[in-house]
Amino acid sequence: MLNTELNITKADDFYAHLIESHEGLSTSQSHAMNAALVLILSNHVGDFELIKEAIARARRTAELSD
């Protein structure tokens, strides 16, 4: 089951680092970095069903943002 509770240590520092890591990148480079990060972390998780659940949740979130 996908853990949706806050589970990141230093969550504010993580968010700031994530945003800073995109500085100086073009839009396409930023998208490429996000895609690479998703693949790296998905490989770390390793559970396809859990990853599918996360993808579905992320898509629903994106659809609601417009």
PDB file of N, CA and C in Angstrom:
ATOM      1  N   MET A   1       0.849  -1.181   0.000  1.00  0.00           N
ATOM      2  CA  MET A   1       0.000   0.000   0.000  1.00  0.00           C
ATOM      3  C   MET A   1       0.894   1.243   0.000  1.00  0.00           C
ATOM      4  N   LEU A   2       0.498   2.219  -0.770  1.00  0.00           N
ATOM      5  CA  LEU A   2       1.242   3.460  -0.912  1.00  0.00           C
ATOM      6  C   LEU A   2       1.115   4.292   0.355  1.00  0.00           C
ATOM      7  N   ASN A   3       2.248   4.709   0.897  1.00  0.00           N
ATOM      8  CA  ASN A   3       2.259   5.573   2.076  1.00  0.00           C
ATOM      9  C   ASN A   3       2.064   7.012   1.617  1.00  0.00           C
ATOM     10  N   THR A   4       0.966   7.627   1.991  1.00  0.00           N
ATOM     11  CA  THR A   4       0.699   9.009   1.609  1.00  0.00           C
ATOM     12  C   THR A   4       0.849   9.971   2.788  1.00  0.00           C
ATOM     13  N   GLU A   5       1.281   9.448   3.919  1.00  0.00           N
ATOM     14  CA  GLU A   5       1.558  10.299   5.081  1.00  0.00           C
ATOM     15  C   GLU A   5       2.948  10.915   4.917  1.00  0.00           C
ATOM     16  N   LEU A   6       3.156  12.100   5.488  1.00  0.00           N
ATOM     17  CA  LEU A   6       4.448  12.752   5.412  1.00  0.00           C
ATOM     18  C   LEU A   6       5.517  11.815   5.978  1.00  0.00           C
ATOM     19  N   ASN A   7       6.492  11.487   5.157  1.00  0.00           N
ATOM     20  CA  ASN A   7       7.506  10.507   5.544  1.00  0.00           C
ATOM     21  C   ASN A   7       8.905  10.979   5.156  1.00  0.00           C
ATOM     22  N   ILE A   8       9.048  12.244   4.801  1.00  0.00           N
ATOM     23  CA  ILE A   8      10.326  12.786   4.357  1.00  0.00           C
ATOM     24  C   ILE A   8      10.944  13.557   5.513  1.00  0.00           C
ATOM     25  N   THR A   9      12.160  13.162   5.883  1.00  0.00           N
ATOM     26  CA  THR A   9      12.852  13.938   6.900  1.00  0.00           C
ATOM     27  C   THR A   9      13.245  15.281   6.302  1.00  0.00           C
ATOM     28  N   LYS A  10      13.175  16.305   7.099  1.00  0.00           N
ATOM     29  CA  LYS A  10      13.510  17.659   6.649  1.00  0.00           C
ATOM     30  C   LYS A  10      12.738  18.013   5.373  1.00  0.00           C
ATOM     31  N   ALA A  11      11.420  17.878   5.424  1.00  0.00           N
ATOM     32  CA  ALA A  11      10.569  18.061   4.250  1.00  0.00           C
ATOM     33  C   ALA A  11      10.770  19.428   3.603  1.00  0.00           C
ATOM     34  N   ASP A  12      10.884  20.484   4.383  1.00  0.00           N
ATOM     35  CA  ASP A  12      11.080  21.814   3.808  1.00  0.00           C
ATOM     36  C   ASP A  12      12.432  21.909   3.100  1.00  0.00           C
ATOM     37  N   ASP A  13      13.459  21.327   3.705  1.00  0.00           N
ATOM     38  CA  ASP A  13      14.784  21.319   3.074  1.00  0.00           C
ATOM     39  C   ASP A  13      14.759  20.511   1.785  1.00  0.00           C
ATOM     40  N   PHE A  14      14.046  19.382   1.787  1.00  0.00           N
ATOM     41  CA  PHE A  14      13.911  18.566   0.582  1.00  0.00           C
ATOM     42  C   PHE A  14      13.264  19.376  -0.536  1.00  0.00           C
ATOM     43  N   TYR A  15      12.159  20.050  -0.227  1.00  0.00           N
ATOM     44  CA  TYR A  15      11.449  20.817  -1.249  1.00  0.00           C
ATOM     45  C   TYR A  15      12.343  21.925  -1.805  1.00  0.00           C
ATOM     46  N   ALA A  16      13.025  22.635  -0.922  1.00  0.00           N
ATOM     47  CA  ALA A  16      13.922  23.708  -1.371  1.00  0.00           C
ATOM     48  C   ALA A  16      15.025  23.145  -2.270  1.00  0.00           C
ATOM     49  N   HIS A  17      15.591  22.012  -1.891  1.00  0.00           N
ATOM     50  CA  HIS A  17      16.642  21.392  -2.699  1.00  0.00           C
ATOM     51  C   HIS A  17      16.110  20.962  -4.066  1.00  0.00           C
ATOM     52  N   LEU A  18      14.924  20.410  -4.091  1.00  0.00           N
ATOM     53  CA  LEU A  18      14.313  19.996  -5.350  1.00  0.00           C
ATOM     54  C   LEU A  18      14.112  21.191  -6.278  1.00  0.00           C
ATOM     55  N   ILE A  19      13.581  22.275  -5.745  1.00  0.00           N
ATOM     56  CA  ILE A  19      13.362  23.481  -6.546  1.00  0.00           C
ATOM     57  C   ILE A  19      14.698  24.051  -7.015  1.00  0.00           C
ATOM     58  N   GLU A  20      15.671  24.132  -6.120  1.00  0.00           N
ATOM     59  CA  GLU A  20      16.990  24.660  -6.475  1.00  0.00           C
ATOM     60  C   GLU A  20      17.671  23.814  -7.547  1.00  0.00           C
ATOM     61  N   SER A  21      17.417  22.528  -7.550  1.00  0.00           N
ATOM     62  CA  SER A  21      18.073  21.645  -8.511  1.00  0.00           C
ATOM     63  C   SER A  21      17.620  21.921  -9.942  1.00  0.00           C
ATOM     64  N   HIS A  22      16.508  22.630 -10.107  1.00  0.00           N
ATOM     65  CA  HIS A  22      15.996  22.973 -11.431  1.00  0.00           C
ATOM     66  C   HIS A  22      16.518  24.321 -11.931  1.00  0.00           C
ATOM     67  N   GLU A  23      17.146  25.081 -11.053  1.00  0.00           N
ATOM     68  CA  GLU A  23      17.630  26.407 -11.443  1.00  0.00           C
ATOM     69  C   GLU A  23      18.647  26.296 -12.565  1.00  0.00           C
ATOM     70  N   GLY A  24      18.489  27.155 -13.577  1.00  0.00           N
ATOM     71  CA  GLY A  24      19.414  27.184 -14.695  1.00  0.00           C
ATOM     72  C   GLY A  24      19.114  26.170 -15.785  1.00  0.00           C
ATOM     73  N   LEU A  25      18.125  25.317 -15.583  1.00  0.00           N
ATOM     74  CA  LEU A  25      17.751  24.338 -16.595  1.00  0.00           C
ATOM     75  C   LEU A  25      16.676  24.919 -17.499  1.00  0.00           C
ATOM     76  N   SER A  26      16.703  24.533 -18.750  1.00  0.00           N
ATOM     77  CA  SER A  26      15.608  24.893 -19.653  1.00  0.00           C
ATOM     78  C   SER A  26      14.381  24.071 -19.256  1.00  0.00           C
ATOM     79  N   THR A  27      13.241  24.409 -19.820  1.00  0.00           N
ATOM     80  CA  THR A  27      12.028  23.636 -19.539  1.00  0.00           C
ATOM     81  C   THR A  27      12.210  22.177 -19.928  1.00  0.00           C
ATOM     82  N   SER A  28      12.789  21.919 -21.085  1.00  0.00           N
ATOM     83  CA  SER A  28      12.968  20.528 -21.516  1.00  0.00           C
ATOM     84  C   SER A  28      13.976  19.802 -20.623  1.00  0.00           C
ATOM     85  N   GLN A  29      15.010  20.500 -20.171  1.00  0.00           N
ATOM     86  CA  GLN A  29      15.968  19.877 -19.251  1.00  0.00           C
ATOM     87  C   GLN A  29      15.307  19.587 -17.902  1.00  0.00           C
ATOM     88  N   SER A  30      14.452  20.494 -17.458  1.00  0.00           N
ATOM     89  CA  SER A  30      13.728  20.299 -16.196  1.00  0.00           C
ATOM     90  C   SER A  30      12.809  19.091 -16.288  1.00  0.00           C
ATOM     91  N   HIS A  31      12.107  18.955 -17.420  1.00  0.00           N
ATOM     92  CA  HIS A  31      11.244  17.786 -17.621  1.00  0.00           C
ATOM     93  C   HIS A  31      12.071  16.507 -17.667  1.00  0.00           C
ATOM     94  N   ALA A  32      13.217  16.564 -18.328  1.00  0.00           N
ATOM     95  CA  ALA A  32      14.096  15.390 -18.405  1.00  0.00           C
ATOM     96  C   ALA A  32      14.612  15.007 -17.024  1.00  0.00           C
ATOM     97  N   MET A  33      14.955  16.006 -16.213  1.00  0.00           N
ATOM     98  CA  MET A  33      15.414  15.727 -14.856  1.00  0.00           C
ATOM     99  C   MET A  33      14.307  15.078 -14.030  1.00  0.00           C
ATOM    100  N   ASN A  34      13.080  15.611 -14.136  1.00  0.00           N
ATOM    101  CA  ASN A  34      11.955  15.021 -13.403  1.00  0.00           C
ATOM    102  C   ASN A  34      11.723  13.573 -13.837  1.00  0.00           C
ATOM    103  N   ALA A  35      11.786  13.322 -15.137  1.00  0.00           N
ATOM    104  CA  ALA A  35      11.588  11.959 -15.636  1.00  0.00           C
ATOM    105  C   ALA A  35      12.680  11.033 -15.106  1.00  0.00           C
ATOM    106  N   ALA A  36      13.918  11.504 -15.114  1.00  0.00           N
ATOM    107  CA  ALA A  36      15.023  10.690 -14.604  1.00  0.00           C
ATOM    108  C   ALA A  36      14.847  10.407 -13.114  1.00  0.00           C
ATOM    109  N   LEU A  37      14.429  11.416 -12.371  1.00  0.00           N
ATOM    110  CA  LEU A  37      14.210  11.239 -10.934  1.00  0.00           C
ATOM    111  C   LEU A  37      13.118  10.207 -10.662  1.00  0.00           C
ATOM    112  N   VAL A  38      12.027  10.276 -11.437  1.00  0.00           N
ATOM    113  CA  VAL A  38      10.947   9.293 -11.291  1.00  0.00           C
ATOM    114  C   VAL A  38      11.474   7.883 -11.551  1.00  0.00           C
ATOM    115  N   LEU A  39      12.256   7.712 -12.611  1.00  0.00           N
ATOM    116  CA  LEU A  39      12.779   6.383 -12.942  1.00  0.00           C
ATOM    117  C   LEU A  39      13.754   5.882 -11.882  1.00  0.00           C
ATOM    118  N   ILE A  40      14.626   6.750 -11.398  1.00  0.00           N
ATOM    119  CA  ILE A  40      15.588   6.362 -10.364  1.00  0.00           C
ATOM    120  C   ILE A  40      14.865   5.938  -9.086  1.00  0.00           C
ATOM    121  N   LEU A  41      13.902   6.752  -8.647  1.00  0.00           N
ATOM    122  CA  LEU A  41      13.178   6.421  -7.417  1.00  0.00           C
ATOM    123  C   LEU A  41      12.264   5.215  -7.599  1.00  0.00           C
ATOM    124  N   SER A  42      11.684   5.054  -8.789  1.00  0.00           N
ATOM    125  CA  SER A  42      10.861   3.873  -9.056  1.00  0.00           C
ATOM    126  C   SER A  42      11.705   2.609  -8.993  1.00  0.00           C
ATOM    127  N   ASN A  43      12.900   2.682  -9.529  1.00  0.00           N
ATOM    128  CA  ASN A  43      13.799   1.537  -9.449  1.00  0.00           C
ATOM    129  C   ASN A  43      14.130   1.214  -7.996  1.00  0.00           C
ATOM    130  N   HIS A  44      14.305   2.242  -7.196  1.00  0.00           N
ATOM    131  CA  HIS A  44      14.605   2.036  -5.779  1.00  0.00           C
ATOM    132  C   HIS A  44      13.425   1.376  -5.059  1.00  0.00           C
ATOM    133  N   VAL A  45      12.207   1.832  -5.373  1.00  0.00           N
ATOM    134  CA  VAL A  45      11.009   1.238  -4.767  1.00  0.00           C
ATOM    135  C   VAL A  45      10.866  -0.215  -5.219  1.00  0.00           C
ATOM    136  N   GLY A  46      10.919  -0.418  -6.530  1.00  0.00           N
ATOM    137  CA  GLY A  46      10.954  -1.761  -7.081  1.00  0.00           C
ATOM    138  C   GLY A  46       9.641  -2.511  -7.201  1.00  0.00           C
ATOM    139  N   ASP A  47       8.590  -2.063  -6.576  1.00  0.00           N
ATOM    140  CA  ASP A  47       7.309  -2.764  -6.574  1.00  0.00           C
ATOM    141  C   ASP A  47       6.395  -2.140  -7.634  1.00  0.00           C
ATOM    142  N   PHE A  48       6.195  -2.848  -8.755  1.00  0.00           N
ATOM    143  CA  PHE A  48       5.435  -2.300  -9.877  1.00  0.00           C
ATOM    144  C   PHE A  48       4.023  -1.894  -9.473  1.00  0.00           C
ATOM    145  N   GLU A  49       3.337  -2.688  -8.671  1.00  0.00           N
ATOM    146  CA  GLU A  49       1.963  -2.345  -8.267  1.00  0.00           C
ATOM    147  C   GLU A  49       1.950  -1.054  -7.449  1.00  0.00           C
ATOM    148  N   LEU A  50       2.908  -0.881  -6.573  1.00  0.00           N
ATOM    149  CA  LEU A  50       3.008   0.333  -5.765  1.00  0.00           C
ATOM    150  C   LEU A  50       3.316   1.533  -6.656  1.00  0.00           C
ATOM    151  N   ILE A  51       4.187   1.348  -7.623  1.00  0.00           N
ATOM    152  CA  ILE A  51       4.532   2.420  -8.547  1.00  0.00           C
ATOM    153  C   ILE A  51       3.314   2.800  -9.393  1.00  0.00           C
ATOM    154  N   LYS A  52       2.546   1.806  -9.851  1.00  0.00           N
ATOM    155  CA  LYS A  52       1.325   2.096 -10.607  1.00  0.00           C
ATOM    156  C   LYS A  52       0.354   2.923  -9.777  1.00  0.00           C
ATOM    157  N   GLU A  53       0.221   2.591  -8.503  1.00  0.00           N
ATOM    158  CA  GLU A  53      -0.660   3.346  -7.612  1.00  0.00           C
ATOM    159  C   GLU A  53      -0.176   4.789  -7.466  1.00  0.00           C
ATOM    160  N   ALA A  54       1.123   4.967  -7.336  1.00  0.00           N
ATOM    161  CA  ALA A  54       1.688   6.314  -7.220  1.00  0.00           C
ATOM    162  C   ALA A  54       1.467   7.115  -8.504  1.00  0.00           C
ATOM    163  N   ILE A  55       1.657   6.483  -9.657  1.00  0.00           N
ATOM    164  CA  ILE A  55       1.438   7.159 -10.936  1.00  0.00           C
ATOM    165  C   ILE A  55      -0.021   7.596 -11.061  1.00  0.00           C
ATOM    166  N   ALA A  56      -0.943   6.724 -10.714  1.00  0.00           N
ATOM    167  CA  ALA A  56      -2.365   7.056 -10.796  1.00  0.00           C
ATOM    168  C   ALA A  56      -2.703   8.223  -9.871  1.00  0.00           C
ATOM    169  N   ARG A  57      -2.154   8.214  -8.679  1.00  0.00           N
ATOM    170  CA  ARG A  57      -2.417   9.300  -7.726  1.00  0.00           C
ATOM    171  C   ARG A  57      -1.842  10.614  -8.246  1.00  0.00           C
ATOM    172  N   ALA A  58      -0.632  10.565  -8.794  1.00  0.00           N
ATOM    173  CA  ALA A  58      -0.004  11.769  -9.328  1.00  0.00           C
ATOM    174  C   ALA A  58      -0.801  12.313 -10.508  1.00  0.00           C
ATOM    175  N   ARG A  59      -1.298  11.418 -11.353  1.00  0.00           N
ATOM    176  CA  ARG A  59      -2.094  11.872 -12.504  1.00  0.00           C
ATOM    177  C   ARG A  59      -3.381  12.550 -12.047  1.00  0.00           C
ATOM    178  N   ARG A  60      -4.047  11.953 -11.055  1.00  0.00           N
ATOM    179  CA  ARG A  60      -5.282  12.575 -10.543  1.00  0.00           C
ATOM    180  C   ARG A  60      -4.975  13.977  -9.989  1.00  0.00           C
ATOM    181  N   THR A  61      -3.864  14.103  -9.285  1.00  0.00           N
ATOM    182  CA  THR A  61      -3.469  15.398  -8.752  1.00  0.00           C
ATOM    183  C   THR A  61      -3.233  16.399  -9.869  1.00  0.00           C
ATOM    184  N   ALA A  62      -2.539  15.959 -10.930  1.00  0.00           N
ATOM    185  CA  ALA A  62      -2.272  16.847 -12.065  1.00  0.00           C
ATOM    186  C   ALA A  62      -3.555  17.267 -12.763  1.00  0.00           C
ATOM    187  N   GLU A  63      -4.487  16.335 -12.931  1.00  0.00           N
ATOM    188  CA  GLU A  63      -5.754  16.641 -13.597  1.00  0.00           C
ATOM    189  C   GLU A  63      -6.575  17.659 -12.814  1.00  0.00           C
ATOM    190  N   LEU A  64      -6.449  17.656 -11.502  1.00  0.00           N
ATOM    191  CA  LEU A  64      -7.209  18.580 -10.660  1.00  0.00           C
ATOM    192  C   LEU A  64      -6.562  19.969 -10.594  1.00  0.00           C
ATOM    193  N   SER A  65      -5.313  20.086 -11.069  1.00  0.00           N
ATOM    194  CA  SER A  65      -4.601  21.353 -10.917  1.00  0.00           C
ATOM    195  C   SER A  65      -5.001  22.402 -11.934  1.00  0.00           C
ATOM    196  N   ASP A  66      -5.712  22.032 -12.990  1.00  0.00           N
ATOM    197  CA  ASP A  66      -6.121  23.034 -13.999  1.00  0.00           C
ATOM    198  C   ASP A  66      -7.451  23.659 -13.696  1.00  0.00           C
TER     199      ASP A  66
END
